[in-house]
């Protein structure tokens, strides 16, 4: 009986860990991210995208909003699969994160404590100047979300916007 219970525990351990939504962020901390599993905003695409949306990150040192995305808002259809082509045309490091406003606020606070933390989240990318990346994403149920750069000071300087799934 003891052997059977140990075997059952060994078999269930990966499923339990997976259900916990592990995200190591390079520091062994769980940031509530999902590493490829479905999130409220959707999941990593498993089918070909139907369109590409380019999002450019930059700075505008003469404006009130110093850190900017070229898109003020993003709108997608529920179930839509897209290729997000993200470009850092600026001179500083930026990131693109899409999630609920509450999850982004929590993540932003963690970034204040550990601004250099590494990420392994399917819903985000961090890019140095001149770098480009893609996120292939299928949006989930309708709702109001947010896209943002959560590096310290960037959000406050204007680098965020609404993301709507209709």
C-alpha atoms as a PDB file:
ATOM      1  CA  UNK A   1       0.000   0.000   0.000  1.00  0.00           C
ATOM      2  CA  UNK A   2       2.817   2.405   0.867  1.00  0.00           C
ATOM      3  CA  UNK A   3       4.467   1.682  -2.491  1.00  0.00           C
ATOM      4  CA  UNK A   4       1.191   2.342  -4.304  1.00  0.00           C
ATOM      5  CA  UNK A   5       0.769   5.705  -2.556  1.00  0.00           C
ATOM      6  CA  UNK A   6       4.352   6.723  -3.355  1.00  0.00           C
ATOM      7  CA  UNK A   7       3.848   5.749  -6.993  1.00  0.00           C
ATOM      8  CA  UNK A   8       0.596   7.731  -7.154  1.00  0.00           C
ATOM      9  CA  UNK A   9       2.292  10.764  -5.583  1.00  0.00           C
ATOM     10  CA  UNK A  10       5.140  10.548  -8.100  1.00  0.00           C
ATOM     11  CA  UNK A  11       2.676  10.382 -10.979  1.00  0.00           C
ATOM     12  CA  UNK A  12       0.605  13.334  -9.724  1.00  0.00           C
ATOM     13  CA  UNK A  13       3.521  15.637  -8.843  1.00  0.00           C
ATOM     14  CA  UNK A  14       4.015  17.014 -12.381  1.00  0.00           C
ATOM     15  CA  UNK A  15       0.291  17.719 -12.763  1.00  0.00           C
ATOM     16  CA  UNK A  16       0.156  19.501  -9.411  1.00  0.00           C
ATOM     17  CA  UNK A  17       3.218  21.600 -10.259  1.00  0.00           C
ATOM     18  CA  UNK A  18       1.719  22.431 -13.639  1.00  0.00           C
ATOM     19  CA  UNK A  19      -1.577  23.496 -12.064  1.00  0.00           C
ATOM     20  CA  UNK A  20       0.285  25.902  -9.792  1.00  0.00           C
ATOM     21  CA  UNK A  21       1.238  28.102 -12.757  1.00  0.00           C
ATOM     22  CA  UNK A  22       4.989  28.069 -12.272  1.00  0.00           C
ATOM     23  CA  UNK A  23       7.033  30.992 -13.533  1.00  0.00           C
ATOM     24  CA  UNK A  24      10.582  31.136 -12.417  1.00  0.00           C
ATOM     25  CA  UNK A  25      11.500  34.524 -13.822  1.00  0.00           C
ATOM     26  CA  UNK A  26      15.125  33.553 -13.319  1.00  0.00           C
ATOM     27  CA  UNK A  27      14.750  33.933  -9.558  1.00  0.00           C
ATOM     28  CA  UNK A  28      12.679  30.895  -8.589  1.00  0.00           C
ATOM     29  CA  UNK A  29       9.620  33.024  -7.791  1.00  0.00           C
ATOM     30  CA  UNK A  30       6.114  32.371  -9.047  1.00  0.00           C
ATOM     31  CA  UNK A  31       4.775  35.489 -10.751  1.00  0.00           C
ATOM     32  CA  UNK A  32       1.406  33.967 -11.565  1.00  0.00           C
ATOM     33  CA  UNK A  33       2.478  33.350 -15.164  1.00  0.00           C
ATOM     34  CA  UNK A  34       1.650  30.199 -17.024  1.00  0.00           C
ATOM     35  CA  UNK A  35       4.550  29.247 -19.298  1.00  0.00           C
ATOM     36  CA  UNK A  36       2.377  28.311 -22.250  1.00  0.00           C
ATOM     37  CA  UNK A  37      -0.861  27.211 -20.581  1.00  0.00           C
ATOM     38  CA  UNK A  38      -4.060  29.164 -21.086  1.00  0.00           C
ATOM     39  CA  UNK A  39      -4.348  32.517 -19.324  1.00  0.00           C
ATOM     40  CA  UNK A  40      -7.356  34.819 -19.051  1.00  0.00           C
ATOM     41  CA  UNK A  41      -6.047  36.653 -22.143  1.00  0.00           C
ATOM     42  CA  UNK A  42      -5.477  33.441 -24.131  1.00  0.00           C
ATOM     43  CA  UNK A  43      -2.575  31.106 -24.865  1.00  0.00           C
ATOM     44  CA  UNK A  44       0.378  30.479 -27.119  1.00  0.00           C
ATOM     45  CA  UNK A  45      -0.931  29.775 -30.622  1.00  0.00           C
ATOM     46  CA  UNK A  46      -1.182  26.221 -31.847  1.00  0.00           C
ATOM     47  CA  UNK A  47      -2.611  27.185 -35.248  1.00  0.00           C
ATOM     48  CA  UNK A  48      -1.296  29.533 -37.930  1.00  0.00           C
ATOM     49  CA  UNK A  49      -1.978  33.232 -37.343  1.00  0.00           C
ATOM     50  CA  UNK A  50      -4.560  34.977 -39.525  1.00  0.00           C
ATOM     51  CA  UNK A  51      -2.769  38.334 -39.432  1.00  0.00           C
ATOM     52  CA  UNK A  52       0.343  40.119 -38.191  1.00  0.00           C
ATOM     53  CA  UNK A  53       0.242  43.181 -35.953  1.00  0.00           C
ATOM     54  CA  UNK A  54       3.459  45.182 -35.616  1.00  0.00           C
ATOM     55  CA  UNK A  55       4.067  46.955 -32.307  1.00  0.00           C
ATOM     56  CA  UNK A  56       6.976  49.406 -32.102  1.00  0.00           C
ATOM     57  CA  UNK A  57       8.515  50.485 -28.790  1.00  0.00           C
ATOM     58  CA  UNK A  58      10.443  53.745 -28.587  1.00  0.00           C
ATOM     59  CA  UNK A  59      11.318  56.845 -26.589  1.00  0.00           C
ATOM     60  CA  UNK A  60      10.215  60.424 -27.125  1.00  0.00           C
ATOM     61  CA  UNK A  61      12.284  62.515 -24.734  1.00  0.00           C
ATOM     62  CA  UNK A  62      10.523  65.747 -25.763  1.00  0.00           C
ATOM     63  CA  UNK A  63       6.999  64.500 -24.985  1.00  0.00           C
ATOM     64  CA  UNK A  64       5.044  64.121 -21.759  1.00  0.00           C
ATOM     65  CA  UNK A  65       5.013  60.357 -22.358  1.00  0.00           C
ATOM     66  CA  UNK A  66       8.714  59.573 -22.648  1.00  0.00           C
ATOM     67  CA  UNK A  67       8.321  55.834 -23.275  1.00  0.00           C
ATOM     68  CA  UNK A  68       5.863  54.914 -25.991  1.00  0.00           C
ATOM     69  CA  UNK A  69       4.279  52.173 -28.036  1.00  0.00           C
ATOM     70  CA  UNK A  70       3.245  53.184 -31.542  1.00  0.00           C
ATOM     71  CA  UNK A  71      -0.185  51.658 -30.847  1.00  0.00           C
ATOM     72  CA  UNK A  72      -2.409  53.447 -28.329  1.00  0.00           C
ATOM     73  CA  UNK A  73      -4.743  50.453 -28.062  1.00  0.00           C
ATOM     74  CA  UNK A  74      -5.004  46.891 -29.349  1.00  0.00           C
ATOM     75  CA  UNK A  75      -8.246  45.115 -30.290  1.00  0.00           C
ATOM     76  CA  UNK A  76      -8.610  41.421 -31.161  1.00  0.00           C
ATOM     77  CA  UNK A  77     -11.498  39.018 -31.659  1.00  0.00           C
ATOM     78  CA  UNK A  78     -12.090  36.220 -29.171  1.00  0.00           C
ATOM     79  CA  UNK A  79     -10.425  33.100 -30.556  1.00  0.00           C
ATOM     80  CA  UNK A  80      -8.322  35.086 -33.041  1.00  0.00           C
ATOM     81  CA  UNK A  81      -4.760  33.898 -33.622  1.00  0.00           C
ATOM     82  CA  UNK A  82      -2.230  36.628 -34.442  1.00  0.00           C
ATOM     83  CA  UNK A  83       1.478  37.143 -34.923  1.00  0.00           C
ATOM     84  CA  UNK A  84       2.593  40.057 -32.777  1.00  0.00           C
ATOM     85  CA  UNK A  85       5.772  41.403 -34.371  1.00  0.00           C
ATOM     86  CA  UNK A  86       7.407  43.524 -31.681  1.00  0.00           C
ATOM     87  CA  UNK A  87      10.205  45.963 -32.541  1.00  0.00           C
ATOM     88  CA  UNK A  88      12.351  48.008 -30.185  1.00  0.00           C
ATOM     89  CA  UNK A  89      13.195  51.069 -32.294  1.00  0.00           C
ATOM     90  CA  UNK A  90      14.429  52.923 -29.231  1.00  0.00           C
ATOM     91  CA  UNK A  91      17.747  53.455 -27.529  1.00  0.00           C
ATOM     92  CA  UNK A  92      16.792  51.711 -24.268  1.00  0.00           C
ATOM     93  CA  UNK A  93      15.652  48.231 -23.248  1.00  0.00           C
ATOM     94  CA  UNK A  94      11.855  47.809 -23.305  1.00  0.00           C
ATOM     95  CA  UNK A  95       9.412  44.968 -22.838  1.00  0.00           C
ATOM     96  CA  UNK A  96       5.983  44.118 -24.125  1.00  0.00           C
ATOM     97  CA  UNK A  97       3.693  42.303 -21.682  1.00  0.00           C
ATOM     98  CA  UNK A  98       0.002  41.591 -22.229  1.00  0.00           C
ATOM     99  CA  UNK A  99      -2.156  40.432 -19.331  1.00  0.00           C
ATOM    100  CA  UNK A 100      -4.896  41.615 -17.007  1.00  0.00           C
ATOM    101  CA  UNK A 101      -4.350  45.032 -15.456  1.00  0.00           C
ATOM    102  CA  UNK A 102      -4.184  43.380 -12.003  1.00  0.00           C
ATOM    103  CA  UNK A 103      -1.541  40.855 -13.092  1.00  0.00           C
ATOM    104  CA  UNK A 104       0.495  43.609 -14.745  1.00  0.00           C
ATOM    105  CA  UNK A 105       0.293  45.752 -11.574  1.00  0.00           C
ATOM    106  CA  UNK A 106       1.545  42.827  -9.475  1.00  0.00           C
ATOM    107  CA  UNK A 107       4.336  42.081 -11.945  1.00  0.00           C
ATOM    108  CA  UNK A 108       5.295  45.783 -12.078  1.00  0.00           C
ATOM    109  CA  UNK A 109       5.794  45.796  -8.291  1.00  0.00           C
ATOM    110  CA  UNK A 110       8.045  42.739  -8.549  1.00  0.00           C
ATOM    111  CA  UNK A 111      10.047  44.460 -11.271  1.00  0.00           C
ATOM    112  CA  UNK A 112      10.763  47.380  -8.913  1.00  0.00           C
ATOM    113  CA  UNK A 113      12.435  44.907  -6.544  1.00  0.00           C
ATOM    114  CA  UNK A 114      14.238  42.931  -9.274  1.00  0.00           C
ATOM    115  CA  UNK A 115      14.445  45.019 -12.486  1.00  0.00           C
ATOM    116  CA  UNK A 116      16.952  42.659 -14.127  1.00  0.00           C
ATOM    117  CA  UNK A 117      14.907  39.496 -13.569  1.00  0.00           C
ATOM    118  CA  UNK A 118      14.824  37.188 -16.572  1.00  0.00           C
ATOM    119  CA  UNK A 119      11.437  36.178 -17.954  1.00  0.00           C
ATOM    120  CA  UNK A 120      10.194  33.067 -19.647  1.00  0.00           C
ATOM    121  CA  UNK A 121       6.601  34.084 -20.250  1.00  0.00           C
ATOM    122  CA  UNK A 122       4.796  33.343 -23.502  1.00  0.00           C
ATOM    123  CA  UNK A 123       2.811  36.598 -23.219  1.00  0.00           C
ATOM    124  CA  UNK A 124       5.862  38.886 -23.088  1.00  0.00           C
ATOM    125  CA  UNK A 125       9.227  39.789 -24.581  1.00  0.00           C
ATOM    126  CA  UNK A 126      12.107  42.001 -23.429  1.00  0.00           C
ATOM    127  CA  UNK A 127      14.127  43.597 -26.208  1.00  0.00           C
ATOM    128  CA  UNK A 128      17.319  45.596 -26.354  1.00  0.00           C
ATOM    129  CA  UNK A 129      17.715  48.500 -28.771  1.00  0.00           C
ATOM    130  CA  UNK A 130      17.221  47.386 -32.374  1.00  0.00           C
ATOM    131  CA  UNK A 131      15.923  43.923 -31.445  1.00  0.00           C
ATOM    132  CA  UNK A 132      12.742  42.315 -32.760  1.00  0.00           C
ATOM    133  CA  UNK A 133      10.674  39.342 -31.603  1.00  0.00           C
ATOM    134  CA  UNK A 134       7.370  37.629 -32.249  1.00  0.00           C
ATOM    135  CA  UNK A 135       4.628  36.297 -30.056  1.00  0.00           C
ATOM    136  CA  UNK A 136       2.195  33.886 -31.704  1.00  0.00           C
ATOM    137  CA  UNK A 137      -0.986  34.154 -29.662  1.00  0.00           C
ATOM    138  CA  UNK A 138      -4.597  32.971 -29.657  1.00  0.00           C
ATOM    139  CA  UNK A 139      -6.822  35.329 -27.691  1.00  0.00           C
ATOM    140  CA  UNK A 140      -9.326  33.844 -25.252  1.00  0.00           C
ATOM    141  CA  UNK A 141     -12.725  34.972 -24.061  1.00  0.00           C
ATOM    142  CA  UNK A 142     -13.853  38.577 -24.467  1.00  0.00           C
ATOM    143  CA  UNK A 143     -12.548  40.999 -21.875  1.00  0.00           C
ATOM    144  CA  UNK A 144     -10.501  44.068 -21.055  1.00  0.00           C
ATOM    145  CA  UNK A 145      -6.762  43.610 -20.683  1.00  0.00           C
ATOM    146  CA  UNK A 146      -3.623  45.694 -20.901  1.00  0.00           C
ATOM    147  CA  UNK A 147      -0.306  45.788 -22.734  1.00  0.00           C
ATOM    148  CA  UNK A 148       2.628  47.457 -21.037  1.00  0.00           C
ATOM    149  CA  UNK A 149       6.339  47.793 -20.443  1.00  0.00           C
ATOM    150  CA  UNK A 150       6.849  46.922 -16.781  1.00  0.00           C
ATOM    151  CA  UNK A 151      10.471  47.982 -16.460  1.00  0.00           C
ATOM    152  CA  UNK A 152      10.777  50.454 -13.564  1.00  0.00           C
ATOM    153  CA  UNK A 153       9.568  53.907 -14.600  1.00  0.00           C
ATOM    154  CA  UNK A 154       8.442  52.937 -18.099  1.00  0.00           C
ATOM    155  CA  UNK A 155       4.778  52.304 -17.250  1.00  0.00           C
ATOM    156  CA  UNK A 156       4.593  55.571 -15.309  1.00  0.00           C
ATOM    157  CA  UNK A 157       6.153  57.414 -18.260  1.00  0.00           C
ATOM    158  CA  UNK A 158       3.325  56.333 -20.581  1.00  0.00           C
ATOM    159  CA  UNK A 159       4.278  52.885 -21.833  1.00  0.00           C
ATOM    160  CA  UNK A 160       0.942  51.059 -21.537  1.00  0.00           C
ATOM    161  CA  UNK A 161      -2.431  50.832 -23.221  1.00  0.00           C
ATOM    162  CA  UNK A 162      -5.717  48.956 -23.269  1.00  0.00           C
ATOM    163  CA  UNK A 163      -6.027  45.608 -25.018  1.00  0.00           C
ATOM    164  CA  UNK A 164      -9.593  44.547 -25.768  1.00  0.00           C
ATOM    165  CA  UNK A 165     -10.769  41.093 -26.771  1.00  0.00           C
ATOM    166  CA  UNK A 166     -14.257  41.331 -28.369  1.00  0.00           C
END
